């Protein structure tokens, strides 16, 4: 299929203004979909995994990784303090999330810098990157919780493997859904800006 745009590669974002706007949008998405608190939209699945992947793909600074982890932790512990969630997920294994989120962020970063091209033919490669990234993040976060949280005294490998068909497809589907919407919006906006640039150039 024809290239989406003939200009410079679109990932990660080149414009500082664009990065700021996207960073704020990702933060708002996490706030609205994570946990149960004053700003959450309970009808939406958590976009946290997608936020870290998209932060790696769209935003250039590396400090956004710890920044988003701090935000996610503040939301979790704030909800815990407010009594809107239980302490079930808060355990010594909670910090395995840091490694899972780092894997998601790194997956987005690798995709943007090594895999992405402004062509629809990139979609299968994006799907493969999402699958590989989700596997690593799932093993780190869910595996860490299952084996090290203390919530499962009889935890063993067979028990963990038995849980994968129940929980992994949902994690992959949610991540892929949010990323797909974000990339479609990105392509549409990029196409509109490119069209406006061509029209402006034709007038001069």
C-alpha atoms as a PDB file:
ATOM      1  CA  UNK A   1       0.000   0.000   0.000  1.00  0.00           C
ATOM      2  CA  UNK A   2       1.081   3.537  -0.604  1.00  0.00           C
ATOM      3  CA  UNK A   3       3.083   5.313   2.052  1.00  0.00           C
ATOM      4  CA  UNK A   4       1.082   7.277   4.600  1.00  0.00           C
ATOM      5  CA  UNK A   5       3.391  10.225   4.210  1.00  0.00           C
ATOM      6  CA  UNK A   6       6.509  11.118   2.292  1.00  0.00           C
ATOM      7  CA  UNK A   7       7.943  13.302   5.023  1.00  0.00           C
ATOM      8  CA  UNK A   8      10.388  12.359   7.774  1.00  0.00           C
ATOM      9  CA  UNK A   9       9.605   9.346   9.982  1.00  0.00           C
ATOM     10  CA  UNK A  10       6.801  10.176  12.380  1.00  0.00           C
ATOM     11  CA  UNK A  11       7.977   8.189  15.404  1.00  0.00           C
ATOM     12  CA  UNK A  12       9.000   9.277  17.907  1.00  0.00           C
ATOM     13  CA  UNK A  13       7.334  12.673  17.688  1.00  0.00           C
ATOM     14  CA  UNK A  14       9.675  15.442  16.564  1.00  0.00           C
ATOM     15  CA  UNK A  15       7.727  18.463  17.800  1.00  0.00           C
ATOM     16  CA  UNK A  16       8.293  19.464  21.416  1.00  0.00           C
ATOM     17  CA  UNK A  17       4.758  20.862  21.524  1.00  0.00           C
ATOM     18  CA  UNK A  18       3.404  17.606  20.157  1.00  0.00           C
ATOM     19  CA  UNK A  19       5.306  15.599  22.764  1.00  0.00           C
ATOM     20  CA  UNK A  20       3.938  17.770  25.566  1.00  0.00           C
ATOM     21  CA  UNK A  21       0.360  17.400  24.319  1.00  0.00           C
ATOM     22  CA  UNK A  22       0.693  13.647  23.860  1.00  0.00           C
ATOM     23  CA  UNK A  23       2.364  13.272  27.253  1.00  0.00           C
ATOM     24  CA  UNK A  24      -0.506  15.104  28.920  1.00  0.00           C
ATOM     25  CA  UNK A  25      -3.046  13.042  26.992  1.00  0.00           C
ATOM     26  CA  UNK A  26      -1.379   9.792  28.074  1.00  0.00           C
ATOM     27  CA  UNK A  27      -1.300  10.949  31.683  1.00  0.00           C
ATOM     28  CA  UNK A  28      -4.998  11.835  31.490  1.00  0.00           C
ATOM     29  CA  UNK A  29      -5.761   8.436  29.959  1.00  0.00           C
ATOM     30  CA  UNK A  30      -3.991   6.666  32.813  1.00  0.00           C
ATOM     31  CA  UNK A  31      -5.759   8.787  35.427  1.00  0.00           C
ATOM     32  CA  UNK A  32      -9.171   8.109  33.897  1.00  0.00           C
ATOM     33  CA  UNK A  33      -8.775   4.351  33.527  1.00  0.00           C
ATOM     34  CA  UNK A  34      -6.591   3.202  36.426  1.00  0.00           C
ATOM     35  CA  UNK A  35      -8.196   2.014  39.633  1.00  0.00           C
ATOM     36  CA  UNK A  36     -11.190   3.533  41.338  1.00  0.00           C
ATOM     37  CA  UNK A  37     -10.818   7.145  42.339  1.00  0.00           C
ATOM     38  CA  UNK A  38     -12.391  10.561  41.799  1.00  0.00           C
ATOM     39  CA  UNK A  39     -11.444  10.817  38.105  1.00  0.00           C
ATOM     40  CA  UNK A  40     -11.700   7.207  36.967  1.00  0.00           C
ATOM     41  CA  UNK A  41     -14.089   6.010  34.275  1.00  0.00           C
ATOM     42  CA  UNK A  42     -14.960   2.525  35.454  1.00  0.00           C
ATOM     43  CA  UNK A  43     -16.488   1.516  32.123  1.00  0.00           C
ATOM     44  CA  UNK A  44     -13.055   1.645  30.483  1.00  0.00           C
ATOM     45  CA  UNK A  45     -10.371  -1.041  30.950  1.00  0.00           C
ATOM     46  CA  UNK A  46      -7.075   0.123  32.380  1.00  0.00           C
ATOM     47  CA  UNK A  47      -4.889   1.738  29.739  1.00  0.00           C
ATOM     48  CA  UNK A  48      -1.727   1.632  31.878  1.00  0.00           C
ATOM     49  CA  UNK A  49       0.105  -0.929  29.755  1.00  0.00           C
ATOM     50  CA  UNK A  50      -0.745   0.958  26.581  1.00  0.00           C
ATOM     51  CA  UNK A  51       0.347   4.242  28.149  1.00  0.00           C
ATOM     52  CA  UNK A  52       3.840   2.900  28.802  1.00  0.00           C
ATOM     53  CA  UNK A  53       4.125   1.369  25.322  1.00  0.00           C
ATOM     54  CA  UNK A  54       2.926   4.567  23.660  1.00  0.00           C
ATOM     55  CA  UNK A  55       5.203   6.690  25.840  1.00  0.00           C
ATOM     56  CA  UNK A  56       8.144   4.661  24.551  1.00  0.00           C
ATOM     57  CA  UNK A  57       6.976   4.928  20.946  1.00  0.00           C
ATOM     58  CA  UNK A  58       5.863   8.564  20.809  1.00  0.00           C
ATOM     59  CA  UNK A  59       7.900  10.476  23.388  1.00  0.00           C
ATOM     60  CA  UNK A  60      11.627  11.062  23.170  1.00  0.00           C
ATOM     61  CA  UNK A  61      12.797  11.740  26.767  1.00  0.00           C
ATOM     62  CA  UNK A  62      13.737   8.680  28.816  1.00  0.00           C
ATOM     63  CA  UNK A  63      12.568  10.336  32.036  1.00  0.00           C
ATOM     64  CA  UNK A  64       8.936   9.791  31.055  1.00  0.00           C
ATOM     65  CA  UNK A  65       9.320   6.137  32.123  1.00  0.00           C
ATOM     66  CA  UNK A  66       9.923   6.866  35.826  1.00  0.00           C
ATOM     67  CA  UNK A  67       7.501   9.792  35.647  1.00  0.00           C
ATOM     68  CA  UNK A  68       4.633   7.576  34.518  1.00  0.00           C
ATOM     69  CA  UNK A  69       5.568   4.924  37.077  1.00  0.00           C
ATOM     70  CA  UNK A  70       5.407   7.549  39.822  1.00  0.00           C
ATOM     71  CA  UNK A  71       2.005   8.645  38.511  1.00  0.00           C
ATOM     72  CA  UNK A  72       0.685   5.075  38.466  1.00  0.00           C
ATOM     73  CA  UNK A  73       1.967   4.459  42.002  1.00  0.00           C
ATOM     74  CA  UNK A  74       0.407   7.683  43.267  1.00  0.00           C
ATOM     75  CA  UNK A  75      -2.945   6.639  41.816  1.00  0.00           C
ATOM     76  CA  UNK A  76      -2.698   3.182  43.386  1.00  0.00           C
ATOM     77  CA  UNK A  77      -1.635   4.310  46.838  1.00  0.00           C
ATOM     78  CA  UNK A  78      -4.034   7.244  46.745  1.00  0.00           C
ATOM     79  CA  UNK A  79      -6.922   4.884  46.010  1.00  0.00           C
ATOM     80  CA  UNK A  80      -5.688   2.572  48.772  1.00  0.00           C
ATOM     81  CA  UNK A  81      -5.559   5.446  51.261  1.00  0.00           C
ATOM     82  CA  UNK A  82      -9.042   6.560  50.222  1.00  0.00           C
ATOM     83  CA  UNK A  83     -10.384   3.054  50.754  1.00  0.00           C
ATOM     84  CA  UNK A  84     -11.660   2.655  47.198  1.00  0.00           C
ATOM     85  CA  UNK A  85      -9.435  -0.385  46.596  1.00  0.00           C
ATOM     86  CA  UNK A  86      -8.168  -3.139  48.867  1.00  0.00           C
ATOM     87  CA  UNK A  87      -4.552  -3.974  49.614  1.00  0.00           C
ATOM     88  CA  UNK A  88      -4.771  -7.246  47.641  1.00  0.00           C
ATOM     89  CA  UNK A  89      -2.476  -6.006  44.871  1.00  0.00           C
ATOM     90  CA  UNK A  90      -0.152  -4.065  47.166  1.00  0.00           C
ATOM     91  CA  UNK A  91       2.578  -6.460  48.234  1.00  0.00           C
ATOM     92  CA  UNK A  92       6.365  -6.852  47.938  1.00  0.00           C
ATOM     93  CA  UNK A  93       5.686  -8.032  44.378  1.00  0.00           C
ATOM     94  CA  UNK A  94       4.203  -4.635  43.513  1.00  0.00           C
ATOM     95  CA  UNK A  95       7.618  -3.458  42.422  1.00  0.00           C
ATOM     96  CA  UNK A  96       7.719  -6.113  39.722  1.00  0.00           C
ATOM     97  CA  UNK A  97       5.424  -3.688  37.923  1.00  0.00           C
ATOM     98  CA  UNK A  98       8.390  -1.374  37.462  1.00  0.00           C
ATOM     99  CA  UNK A  99      10.138  -4.022  35.357  1.00  0.00           C
ATOM    100  CA  UNK A 100       6.950  -4.832  33.445  1.00  0.00           C
ATOM    101  CA  UNK A 101       6.361  -1.181  32.646  1.00  0.00           C
ATOM    102  CA  UNK A 102       9.991  -0.787  31.612  1.00  0.00           C
ATOM    103  CA  UNK A 103       9.539  -3.705  29.204  1.00  0.00           C
ATOM    104  CA  UNK A 104       6.447  -2.063  27.707  1.00  0.00           C
ATOM    105  CA  UNK A 105       8.207   1.285  27.369  1.00  0.00           C
ATOM    106  CA  UNK A 106      11.243  -0.399  25.796  1.00  0.00           C
ATOM    107  CA  UNK A 107       8.984  -2.297  23.390  1.00  0.00           C
ATOM    108  CA  UNK A 108       7.472   0.972  22.212  1.00  0.00           C
ATOM    109  CA  UNK A 109      10.892   2.563  21.920  1.00  0.00           C
ATOM    110  CA  UNK A 110      12.311  -0.314  19.876  1.00  0.00           C
ATOM    111  CA  UNK A 111       9.267  -0.328  17.614  1.00  0.00           C
ATOM    112  CA  UNK A 112       9.489   3.411  16.938  1.00  0.00           C
ATOM    113  CA  UNK A 113      13.214   3.441  16.249  1.00  0.00           C
ATOM    114  CA  UNK A 114      13.850   0.050  14.632  1.00  0.00           C
ATOM    115  CA  UNK A 115      10.613  -1.253  13.156  1.00  0.00           C
ATOM    116  CA  UNK A 116       8.146   1.513  12.331  1.00  0.00           C
ATOM    117  CA  UNK A 117       7.684   2.943   8.879  1.00  0.00           C
ATOM    118  CA  UNK A 118       4.875   5.178   7.627  1.00  0.00           C
ATOM    119  CA  UNK A 119       3.272   2.373   5.637  1.00  0.00           C
ATOM    120  CA  UNK A 120       0.298   0.153   6.335  1.00  0.00           C
ATOM    121  CA  UNK A 121       2.622  -2.813   5.763  1.00  0.00           C
ATOM    122  CA  UNK A 122       4.095  -2.051   9.183  1.00  0.00           C
ATOM    123  CA  UNK A 123       0.903  -3.196  10.942  1.00  0.00           C
ATOM    124  CA  UNK A 124       1.871  -6.922  11.085  1.00  0.00           C
ATOM    125  CA  UNK A 125       5.258  -5.971  12.525  1.00  0.00           C
ATOM    126  CA  UNK A 126       3.521  -3.795  15.109  1.00  0.00           C
ATOM    127  CA  UNK A 127       1.332  -6.769  16.028  1.00  0.00           C
ATOM    128  CA  UNK A 128       4.408  -8.949  16.533  1.00  0.00           C
ATOM    129  CA  UNK A 129       6.096  -6.332  18.696  1.00  0.00           C
ATOM    130  CA  UNK A 130       2.935  -5.953  20.775  1.00  0.00           C
ATOM    131  CA  UNK A 131       2.683  -9.723  21.227  1.00  0.00           C
ATOM    132  CA  UNK A 132       6.331 -10.087  22.281  1.00  0.00           C
ATOM    133  CA  UNK A 133       6.152  -7.070  24.576  1.00  0.00           C
ATOM    134  CA  UNK A 134       2.935  -8.265  26.194  1.00  0.00           C
ATOM    135  CA  UNK A 135       4.430 -11.708  26.861  1.00  0.00           C
ATOM    136  CA  UNK A 136       7.426 -10.180  28.663  1.00  0.00           C
ATOM    137  CA  UNK A 137       5.300  -7.692  30.616  1.00  0.00           C
ATOM    138  CA  UNK A 138       2.820 -10.409  31.576  1.00  0.00           C
ATOM    139  CA  UNK A 139       5.525 -12.744  32.861  1.00  0.00           C
ATOM    140  CA  UNK A 140       7.095  -9.948  34.888  1.00  0.00           C
ATOM    141  CA  UNK A 141       3.935  -8.452  36.380  1.00  0.00           C
ATOM    142  CA  UNK A 142       1.592 -11.420  36.735  1.00  0.00           C
ATOM    143  CA  UNK A 143       4.369 -13.900  37.351  1.00  0.00           C
ATOM    144  CA  UNK A 144       5.940 -11.620  39.929  1.00  0.00           C
ATOM    145  CA  UNK A 145       2.623 -11.212  41.719  1.00  0.00           C
ATOM    146  CA  UNK A 146       1.763 -14.906  41.607  1.00  0.00           C
ATOM    147  CA  UNK A 147       5.086 -16.146  42.934  1.00  0.00           C
ATOM    148  CA  UNK A 148       6.253 -13.340  45.234  1.00  0.00           C
ATOM    149  CA  UNK A 149       3.193 -11.543  46.590  1.00  0.00           C
ATOM    150  CA  UNK A 150       2.438 -14.126  49.249  1.00  0.00           C
ATOM    151  CA  UNK A 151      -1.197 -14.243  48.128  1.00  0.00           C
ATOM    152  CA  UNK A 152      -0.780 -17.763  46.729  1.00  0.00           C
ATOM    153  CA  UNK A 153       0.904 -19.966  49.356  1.00  0.00           C
ATOM    154  CA  UNK A 154       0.842 -23.000  47.052  1.00  0.00           C
ATOM    155  CA  UNK A 155       2.173 -21.137  44.001  1.00  0.00           C
ATOM    156  CA  UNK A 156       3.861 -23.371  41.456  1.00  0.00           C
ATOM    157  CA  UNK A 157       4.627 -23.269  37.750  1.00  0.00           C
ATOM    158  CA  UNK A 158       1.661 -25.424  36.812  1.00  0.00           C
ATOM    159  CA  UNK A 159      -0.695 -23.113  38.657  1.00  0.00           C
ATOM    160  CA  UNK A 160       0.720 -20.054  36.919  1.00  0.00           C
ATOM    161  CA  UNK A 161       0.545 -21.649  33.467  1.00  0.00           C
ATOM    162  CA  UNK A 162      -3.079 -22.608  34.107  1.00  0.00           C
ATOM    163  CA  UNK A 163      -3.939 -18.941  34.674  1.00  0.00           C
ATOM    164  CA  UNK A 164      -2.442 -17.719  31.379  1.00  0.00           C
ATOM    165  CA  UNK A 165      -5.388 -18.599  29.075  1.00  0.00           C
ATOM    166  CA  UNK A 166      -7.736 -16.760  31.438  1.00  0.00           C
ATOM    167  CA  UNK A 167      -5.821 -13.506  31.850  1.00  0.00           C
ATOM    168  CA  UNK A 168      -3.285 -13.118  29.015  1.00  0.00           C
ATOM    169  CA  UNK A 169      -5.763 -12.660  26.106  1.00  0.00           C
ATOM    170  CA  UNK A 170      -7.478  -9.856  27.984  1.00  0.00           C
ATOM    171  CA  UNK A 171      -4.172  -8.113  28.673  1.00  0.00           C
ATOM    172  CA  UNK A 172      -3.105  -8.424  25.034  1.00  0.00           C
ATOM    173  CA  UNK A 173      -6.481  -7.326  23.687  1.00  0.00           C
ATOM    174  CA  UNK A 174      -6.665  -4.252  25.903  1.00  0.00           C
ATOM    175  CA  UNK A 175      -3.128  -3.182  25.037  1.00  0.00           C
ATOM    176  CA  UNK A 176      -3.639  -3.761  21.312  1.00  0.00           C
ATOM    177  CA  UNK A 177      -6.969  -1.925  21.326  1.00  0.00           C
ATOM    178  CA  UNK A 178      -5.625   1.240  22.905  1.00  0.00           C
ATOM    179  CA  UNK A 179      -2.469   1.209  20.772  1.00  0.00           C
ATOM    180  CA  UNK A 180      -4.494   0.701  17.594  1.00  0.00           C
ATOM    181  CA  UNK A 181      -6.742   3.673  18.397  1.00  0.00           C
ATOM    182  CA  UNK A 182      -3.729   5.839  19.233  1.00  0.00           C
ATOM    183  CA  UNK A 183      -1.894   4.966  16.021  1.00  0.00           C
ATOM    184  CA  UNK A 184      -4.988   5.495  13.864  1.00  0.00           C
ATOM    185  CA  UNK A 185      -5.431   8.945  15.403  1.00  0.00           C
ATOM    186  CA  UNK A 186      -1.754   9.644  14.865  1.00  0.00           C
ATOM    187  CA  UNK A 187      -1.963   8.648  11.199  1.00  0.00           C
ATOM    188  CA  UNK A 188      -5.092  10.745  10.642  1.00  0.00           C
ATOM    189  CA  UNK A 189      -3.621  13.824  12.297  1.00  0.00           C
ATOM    190  CA  UNK A 190      -0.350  13.403  10.438  1.00  0.00           C
ATOM    191  CA  UNK A 191      -2.236  13.137   7.159  1.00  0.00           C
ATOM    192  CA  UNK A 192      -4.232  16.279   7.912  1.00  0.00           C
ATOM    193  CA  UNK A 193      -1.122  18.267   8.820  1.00  0.00           C
ATOM    194  CA  UNK A 194       0.649  17.044   5.686  1.00  0.00           C
ATOM    195  CA  UNK A 195      -2.322  18.090   3.535  1.00  0.00           C
ATOM    196  CA  UNK A 196      -2.389  21.529   5.142  1.00  0.00           C
ATOM    197  CA  UNK A 197       1.347  21.912   4.511  1.00  0.00           C
ATOM    198  CA  UNK A 198       0.906  21.057   0.843  1.00  0.00           C
ATOM    199  CA  UNK A 199      -1.942  23.567   0.504  1.00  0.00           C
ATOM    200  CA  UNK A 200       0.095  26.270   2.258  1.00  0.00           C
ATOM    201  CA  UNK A 201       3.041  25.593  -0.039  1.00  0.00           C
ATOM    202  CA  UNK A 202       0.807  25.807  -3.101  1.00  0.00           C
ATOM    203  CA  UNK A 203      -0.375  29.258  -2.095  1.00  0.00           C
ATOM    204  CA  UNK A 204       3.138  30.693  -1.750  1.00  0.00           C
END
